Amino acid sequence: MRNQPEWNEERIEKAMNAGKEKYVTLTATIPVFLGYFTAWVDDEGKLNFRDDIYGHDKKLADHLFSSK
């Protein structure tokens, strides 16, 4: 929102704390990366993993750790 002068620091802060969603159309396209992980932390703080039946973990690892 750097190049959208109507979105100054005060207006951004107000929108962030409004308690409801606010959709804003950006003037510049930015890349967005969504991550999927078959892991979670349980109530005891222990990290848990399960088999990824959809194969998303491998696709993510291939993308993150490729040498391209």
PDB file of N, CA and C in Angstrom:
ATOM      1  N   MET A   1       0.828  -1.187   0.000  1.00  0.00           N
ATOM      2  CA  MET A   1       0.000   0.000   0.000  1.00  0.00           C
ATOM      3  C   MET A   1       0.872   1.250   0.000  1.00  0.00           C
ATOM      4  N   ARG A   2       2.158   1.010  -0.136  1.00  0.00           N
ATOM      5  CA  ARG A   2       3.131   2.094  -0.152  1.00  0.00           C
ATOM      6  C   ARG A   2       2.814   3.130  -1.231  1.00  0.00           C
ATOM      7  N   ASN A   3       2.315   2.673  -2.367  1.00  0.00           N
ATOM      8  CA  ASN A   3       2.041   3.581  -3.483  1.00  0.00           C
ATOM      9  C   ASN A   3       0.574   4.014  -3.542  1.00  0.00           C
ATOM     10  N   GLN A   4      -0.131   3.855  -2.444  1.00  0.00           N
ATOM     11  CA  GLN A   4      -1.524   4.286  -2.358  1.00  0.00           C
ATOM     12  C   GLN A   4      -1.616   5.302  -1.218  1.00  0.00           C
ATOM     13  N   PRO A   5      -1.394   6.579  -1.534  1.00  0.00           N
ATOM     14  CA  PRO A   5      -1.292   7.608  -0.496  1.00  0.00           C
ATOM     15  C   PRO A   5      -2.518   7.731   0.400  1.00  0.00           C
ATOM     16  N   GLU A   6      -3.678   7.313  -0.096  1.00  0.00           N
ATOM     17  CA  GLU A   6      -4.873   7.389   0.752  1.00  0.00           C
ATOM     18  C   GLU A   6      -4.798   6.414   1.934  1.00  0.00           C
ATOM     19  N   TRP A   7      -3.893   5.426   1.837  1.00  0.00           N
ATOM     20  CA  TRP A   7      -3.701   4.468   2.924  1.00  0.00           C
ATOM     21  C   TRP A   7      -2.481   4.870   3.745  1.00  0.00           C
ATOM     22  N   ASN A   8      -2.669   5.893   4.571  1.00  0.00           N
ATOM     23  CA  ASN A   8      -1.587   6.324   5.452  1.00  0.00           C
ATOM     24  C   ASN A   8      -1.541   5.429   6.685  1.00  0.00           C
ATOM     25  N   GLU A   9      -0.546   5.639   7.518  1.00  0.00           N
ATOM     26  CA  GLU A   9      -0.352   4.792   8.700  1.00  0.00           C
ATOM     27  C   GLU A   9      -1.584   4.789   9.613  1.00  0.00           C
ATOM     28  N   GLU A  10      -2.195   5.936   9.803  1.00  0.00           N
ATOM     29  CA  GLU A  10      -3.374   6.037  10.674  1.00  0.00           C
ATOM     30  C   GLU A  10      -4.545   5.216  10.124  1.00  0.00           C
ATOM     31  N   ARG A  11      -4.782   5.319   8.824  1.00  0.00           N
ATOM     32  CA  ARG A  11      -5.902   4.584   8.217  1.00  0.00           C
ATOM     33  C   ARG A  11      -5.658   3.076   8.257  1.00  0.00           C
ATOM     34  N   ILE A  12      -4.421   2.657   8.019  1.00  0.00           N
ATOM     35  CA  ILE A  12      -4.082   1.229   8.089  1.00  0.00           C
ATOM     36  C   ILE A  12      -4.294   0.705   9.502  1.00  0.00           C
ATOM     37  N   GLU A  13      -3.813   1.436  10.489  1.00  0.00           N
ATOM     38  CA  GLU A  13      -3.969   1.040  11.890  1.00  0.00           C
ATOM     39  C   GLU A  13      -5.441   0.916  12.262  1.00  0.00           C
ATOM     40  N   LYS A  14      -6.250   1.868  11.827  1.00  0.00           N
ATOM     41  CA  LYS A  14      -7.684   1.854  12.111  1.00  0.00           C
ATOM     42  C   LYS A  14      -8.350   0.629  11.472  1.00  0.00           C
ATOM     43  N   ALA A  15      -7.991   0.330  10.227  1.00  0.00           N
ATOM     44  CA  ALA A  15      -8.566  -0.825   9.543  1.00  0.00           C
ATOM     45  C   ALA A  15      -8.155  -2.131  10.208  1.00  0.00           C
ATOM     46  N   MET A  16      -6.907  -2.209  10.647  1.00  0.00           N
ATOM     47  CA  MET A  16      -6.420  -3.432  11.295  1.00  0.00           C
ATOM     48  C   MET A  16      -7.138  -3.708  12.611  1.00  0.00           C
ATOM     49  N   ASN A  17      -7.577  -2.672  13.278  1.00  0.00           N
ATOM     50  CA  ASN A  17      -8.199  -2.818  14.597  1.00  0.00           C
ATOM     51  C   ASN A  17      -9.708  -2.610  14.577  1.00  0.00           C
ATOM     52  N   ALA A  18     -10.312  -2.654  13.405  1.00  0.00           N
ATOM     53  CA  ALA A  18     -11.748  -2.384  13.281  1.00  0.00           C
ATOM     54  C   ALA A  18     -12.608  -3.557  13.739  1.00  0.00           C
ATOM     55  N   GLY A  19     -12.022  -4.746  13.838  1.00  0.00           N
ATOM     56  CA  GLY A  19     -12.792  -5.902  14.285  1.00  0.00           C
ATOM     57  C   GLY A  19     -13.604  -6.563  13.178  1.00  0.00           C
ATOM     58  N   LYS A  20     -13.409  -6.146  11.944  1.00  0.00           N
ATOM     59  CA  LYS A  20     -14.087  -6.789  10.821  1.00  0.00           C
ATOM     60  C   LYS A  20     -13.162  -6.748   9.607  1.00  0.00           C
ATOM     61  N   GLU A  21     -13.422  -7.648   8.659  1.00  0.00           N
ATOM     62  CA  GLU A  21     -12.592  -7.723   7.468  1.00  0.00           C
ATOM     63  C   GLU A  21     -12.765  -6.495   6.594  1.00  0.00           C
ATOM     64  N   LYS A  22     -11.684  -6.117   5.942  1.00  0.00           N
ATOM     65  CA  LYS A  22     -11.698  -4.998   5.013  1.00  0.00           C
ATOM     66  C   LYS A  22     -10.948  -5.441   3.761  1.00  0.00           C
ATOM     67  N   TYR A  23     -11.612  -5.424   2.623  1.00  0.00           N
ATOM     68  CA  TYR A  23     -10.984  -5.783   1.362  1.00  0.00           C
ATOM     69  C   TYR A  23     -10.452  -4.529   0.690  1.00  0.00           C
ATOM     70  N   VAL A  24      -9.205  -4.602   0.239  1.00  0.00           N
ATOM     71  CA  VAL A  24      -8.554  -3.474  -0.410  1.00  0.00           C
ATOM     72  C   VAL A  24      -7.935  -3.975  -1.713  1.00  0.00           C
ATOM     73  N   THR A  25      -8.215  -3.291  -2.805  1.00  0.00           N
ATOM     74  CA  THR A  25      -7.608  -3.635  -4.086  1.00  0.00           C
ATOM     75  C   THR A  25      -6.248  -2.953  -4.177  1.00  0.00           C
ATOM     76  N   LEU A  26      -5.213  -3.753  -4.356  1.00  0.00           N
ATOM     77  CA  LEU A  26      -3.867  -3.209  -4.471  1.00  0.00           C
ATOM     78  C   LEU A  26      -3.617  -2.751  -5.894  1.00  0.00           C
ATOM     79  N   THR A  27      -2.810  -1.715  -6.040  1.00  0.00           N
ATOM     80  CA  THR A  27      -2.511  -1.201  -7.377  1.00  0.00           C
ATOM     81  C   THR A  27      -1.409  -2.000  -8.051  1.00  0.00           C
ATOM     82  N   ALA A  28      -0.594  -2.705  -7.281  1.00  0.00           N
ATOM     83  CA  ALA A  28       0.495  -3.518  -7.836  1.00  0.00           C
ATOM     84  C   ALA A  28       0.242  -4.991  -7.517  1.00  0.00           C
ATOM     85  N   THR A  29       0.596  -5.849  -8.455  1.00  0.00           N
ATOM     86  CA  THR A  29       0.480  -7.289  -8.242  1.00  0.00           C
ATOM     87  C   THR A  29       1.650  -7.749  -7.379  1.00  0.00           C
ATOM     88  N   ILE A  30       1.364  -8.579  -6.365  1.00  0.00           N
ATOM     89  CA  ILE A  30       2.421  -9.119  -5.530  1.00  0.00           C
ATOM     90  C   ILE A  30       2.283 -10.636  -5.487  1.00  0.00           C
ATOM     91  N   PRO A  31       3.400 -11.361  -5.432  1.00  0.00           N
ATOM     92  CA  PRO A  31       3.315 -12.821  -5.351  1.00  0.00           C
ATOM     93  C   PRO A  31       2.840 -13.249  -3.956  1.00  0.00           C
ATOM     94  N   VAL A  32       2.027 -14.275  -3.922  1.00  0.00           N
ATOM     95  CA  VAL A  32       1.529 -14.821  -2.661  1.00  0.00           C
ATOM     96  C   VAL A  32       1.832 -16.311  -2.655  1.00  0.00           C
ATOM     97  N   PHE A  33       2.377 -16.817  -1.570  1.00  0.00           N
ATOM     98  CA  PHE A  33       2.716 -18.225  -1.443  1.00  0.00           C
ATOM     99  C   PHE A  33       1.925 -18.816  -0.282  1.00  0.00           C
ATOM    100  N   LEU A  34       1.160 -19.854  -0.564  1.00  0.00           N
ATOM    101  CA  LEU A  34       0.396 -20.536   0.478  1.00  0.00           C
ATOM    102  C   LEU A  34       1.126 -21.810   0.869  1.00  0.00           C
ATOM    103  N   GLY A  35       1.281 -22.023   2.153  1.00  0.00           N
ATOM    104  CA  GLY A  35       1.959 -23.228   2.637  1.00  0.00           C
ATOM    105  C   GLY A  35       0.973 -24.200   3.255  1.00  0.00           C
ATOM    106  N   TYR A  36       1.226 -25.480   3.041  1.00  0.00           N
ATOM    107  CA  TYR A  36       0.388 -26.541   3.588  1.00  0.00           C
ATOM    108  C   TYR A  36       1.319 -27.485   4.326  1.00  0.00           C
ATOM    109  N   PHE A  37       1.016 -27.796   5.572  1.00  0.00           N
ATOM    110  CA  PHE A  37       1.853 -28.687   6.359  1.00  0.00           C
ATOM    111  C   PHE A  37       0.988 -29.708   7.073  1.00  0.00           C
ATOM    112  N   THR A  38       1.392 -30.968   7.017  1.00  0.00           N
ATOM    113  CA  THR A  38       0.672 -32.026   7.715  1.00  0.00           C
ATOM    114  C   THR A  38       1.333 -32.205   9.081  1.00  0.00           C
ATOM    115  N   ALA A  39       1.241 -31.193   9.889  1.00  0.00           N
ATOM    116  CA  ALA A  39       1.835 -31.201  11.225  1.00  0.00           C
ATOM    117  C   ALA A  39       1.084 -30.209  12.102  1.00  0.00           C
ATOM    118  N   TRP A  40       1.101 -30.455  13.396  1.00  0.00           N
ATOM    119  CA  TRP A  40       0.491 -29.527  14.348  1.00  0.00           C
ATOM    120  C   TRP A  40       1.086 -29.778  15.726  1.00  0.00           C
ATOM    121  N   VAL A  41       0.881 -28.833  16.607  1.00  0.00           N
ATOM    122  CA  VAL A  41       1.337 -28.953  17.988  1.00  0.00           C
ATOM    123  C   VAL A  41       0.119 -29.264  18.844  1.00  0.00           C
ATOM    124  N   ASP A  42       0.211 -30.323  19.657  1.00  0.00           N
ATOM    125  CA  ASP A  42      -0.926 -30.716  20.487  1.00  0.00           C
ATOM    126  C   ASP A  42      -0.991 -29.887  21.774  1.00  0.00           C
ATOM    127  N   ASP A  43      -1.964 -30.179  22.620  1.00  0.00           N
ATOM    128  CA  ASP A  43      -2.181 -29.414  23.860  1.00  0.00           C
ATOM    129  C   ASP A  43      -1.000 -29.499  24.827  1.00  0.00           C
ATOM    130  N   GLU A  44      -0.158 -30.528  24.664  1.00  0.00           N
ATOM    131  CA  GLU A  44       1.013 -30.686  25.534  1.00  0.00           C
ATOM    132  C   GLU A  44       2.260 -30.055  24.933  1.00  0.00           C
ATOM    133  N   GLY A  45       2.109 -29.396  23.786  1.00  0.00           N
ATOM    134  CA  GLY A  45       3.238 -28.743  23.139  1.00  0.00           C
ATOM    135  C   GLY A  45       4.084 -29.667  22.277  1.00  0.00           C
ATOM    136  N   LYS A  46       3.600 -30.883  22.033  1.00  0.00           N
ATOM    137  CA  LYS A  46       4.349 -31.857  21.243  1.00  0.00           C
ATOM    138  C   LYS A  46       4.012 -31.701  19.758  1.00  0.00           C
ATOM    139  N   LEU A  47       5.060 -31.682  18.925  1.00  0.00           N
ATOM    140  CA  LEU A  47       4.888 -31.584  17.483  1.00  0.00           C
ATOM    141  C   LEU A  47       4.447 -32.935  16.933  1.00  0.00           C
ATOM    142  N   ASN A  48       3.383 -32.940  16.154  1.00  0.00           N
ATOM    143  CA  ASN A  48       2.824 -34.165  15.580  1.00  0.00           C
ATOM    144  C   ASN A  48       2.892 -34.111  14.059  1.00  0.00           C
ATOM    145  N   PHE A  49       3.203 -35.250  13.446  1.00  0.00           N
ATOM    146  CA  PHE A  49       3.204 -35.388  11.995  1.00  0.00           C
ATOM    147  C   PHE A  49       2.304 -36.542  11.622  1.00  0.00           C
ATOM    148  N   ARG A  50       1.677 -36.467  10.491  1.00  0.00           N
ATOM    149  CA  ARG A  50       0.884 -37.570   9.954  1.00  0.00           C
ATOM    150  C   ARG A  50       1.232 -37.730   8.491  1.00  0.00           C
ATOM    151  N   ASP A  51       0.948 -38.906   7.954  1.00  0.00           N
ATOM    152  CA  ASP A  51       1.167 -39.127   6.525  1.00  0.00           C
ATOM    153  C   ASP A  51       0.316 -38.150   5.738  1.00  0.00           C
ATOM    154  N   ASP A  52       0.908 -37.592   4.697  1.00  0.00           N
ATOM    155  CA  ASP A  52       0.209 -36.636   3.837  1.00  0.00           C
ATOM    156  C   ASP A  52      -0.420 -37.403   2.681  1.00  0.00           C
ATOM    157  N   ILE A  53      -1.670 -37.769   2.827  1.00  0.00           N
ATOM    158  CA  ILE A  53      -2.333 -38.600   1.821  1.00  0.00           C
ATOM    159  C   ILE A  53      -2.558 -37.858   0.501  1.00  0.00           C
ATOM    160  N   TYR A  54      -2.440 -36.543   0.508  1.00  0.00           N
ATOM    161  CA  TYR A  54      -2.671 -35.767  -0.710  1.00  0.00           C
ATOM    162  C   TYR A  54      -1.383 -35.434  -1.469  1.00  0.00           C
ATOM    163  N   GLY A  55      -0.236 -35.650  -0.850  1.00  0.00           N
ATOM    164  CA  GLY A  55       1.038 -35.375  -1.503  1.00  0.00           C
ATOM    165  C   GLY A  55       1.452 -33.912  -1.489  1.00  0.00           C
ATOM    166  N   HIS A  56       0.781 -33.096  -0.695  1.00  0.00           N
ATOM    167  CA  HIS A  56       1.105 -31.668  -0.658  1.00  0.00           C
ATOM    168  C   HIS A  56       2.468 -31.393  -0.015  1.00  0.00           C
ATOM    169  N   ASP A  57       2.836 -32.179   1.005  1.00  0.00           N
ATOM    170  CA  ASP A  57       4.120 -31.954   1.675  1.00  0.00           C
ATOM    171  C   ASP A  57       5.278 -32.103   0.690  1.00  0.00           C
ATOM    172  N   LYS A  58       5.237 -33.113  -0.163  1.00  0.00           N
ATOM    173  CA  LYS A  58       6.300 -33.332  -1.138  1.00  0.00           C
ATOM    174  C   LYS A  58       6.356 -32.182  -2.139  1.00  0.00           C
ATOM    175  N   LYS A  59       5.209 -31.729  -2.616  1.00  0.00           N
ATOM    176  CA  LYS A  59       5.191 -30.615  -3.567  1.00  0.00           C
ATOM    177  C   LYS A  59       5.799 -29.360  -2.937  1.00  0.00           C
ATOM    178  N   LEU A  60       5.451 -29.109  -1.679  1.00  0.00           N
ATOM    179  CA  LEU A  60       5.978 -27.937  -0.989  1.00  0.00           C
ATOM    180  C   LEU A  60       7.488 -28.073  -0.799  1.00  0.00           C
ATOM    181  N   ALA A  61       7.950 -29.239  -0.355  1.00  0.00           N
ATOM    182  CA  ALA A  61       9.389 -29.463  -0.165  1.00  0.00           C
ATOM    183  C   ALA A  61      10.136 -29.314  -1.481  1.00  0.00           C
ATOM    184  N   ASP A  62       9.577 -29.862  -2.551  1.00  0.00           N
ATOM    185  CA  ASP A  62      10.214 -29.728  -3.865  1.00  0.00           C
ATOM    186  C   ASP A  62      10.342 -28.264  -4.254  1.00  0.00           C
ATOM    187  N   HIS A  63       9.316 -27.496  -3.968  1.00  0.00           N
ATOM    188  CA  HIS A  63       9.334 -26.072  -4.319  1.00  0.00           C
ATOM    189  C   HIS A  63      10.338 -25.301  -3.443  1.00  0.00           C
ATOM    190  N   LEU A  64      10.306 -25.560  -2.143  1.00  0.00           N
ATOM    191  CA  LEU A  64      11.153 -24.808  -1.213  1.00  0.00           C
ATOM    192  C   LEU A  64      12.626 -25.158  -1.331  1.00  0.00           C
ATOM    193  N   PHE A  65      12.909 -26.423  -1.621  1.00  0.00           N
ATOM    194  CA  PHE A  65      14.291 -26.887  -1.553  1.00  0.00           C
ATOM    195  C   PHE A  65      14.889 -27.239  -2.918  1.00  0.00           C
ATOM    196  N   SER A  66      14.237 -26.817  -3.982  1.00  0.00           N
ATOM    197  CA  SER A  66      14.796 -27.082  -5.314  1.00  0.00           C
ATOM    198  C   SER A  66      16.000 -26.171  -5.529  1.00  0.00           C
ATOM    199  N   SER A  67      16.891 -26.606  -6.362  1.00  0.00           N
ATOM    200  CA  SER A  67      18.117 -25.819  -6.611  1.00  0.00           C
ATOM    201  C   SER A  67      17.993 -24.954  -7.856  1.00  0.00           C
ATOM    202  N   LYS A  68      16.769 -24.675  -8.269  1.00  0.00           N
ATOM    203  CA  LYS A  68      16.541 -23.850  -9.462  1.00  0.00           C
ATOM    204  C   LYS A  68      16.883 -22.413  -9.203  1.00  0.00           C
TER     205      LYS A  68
END
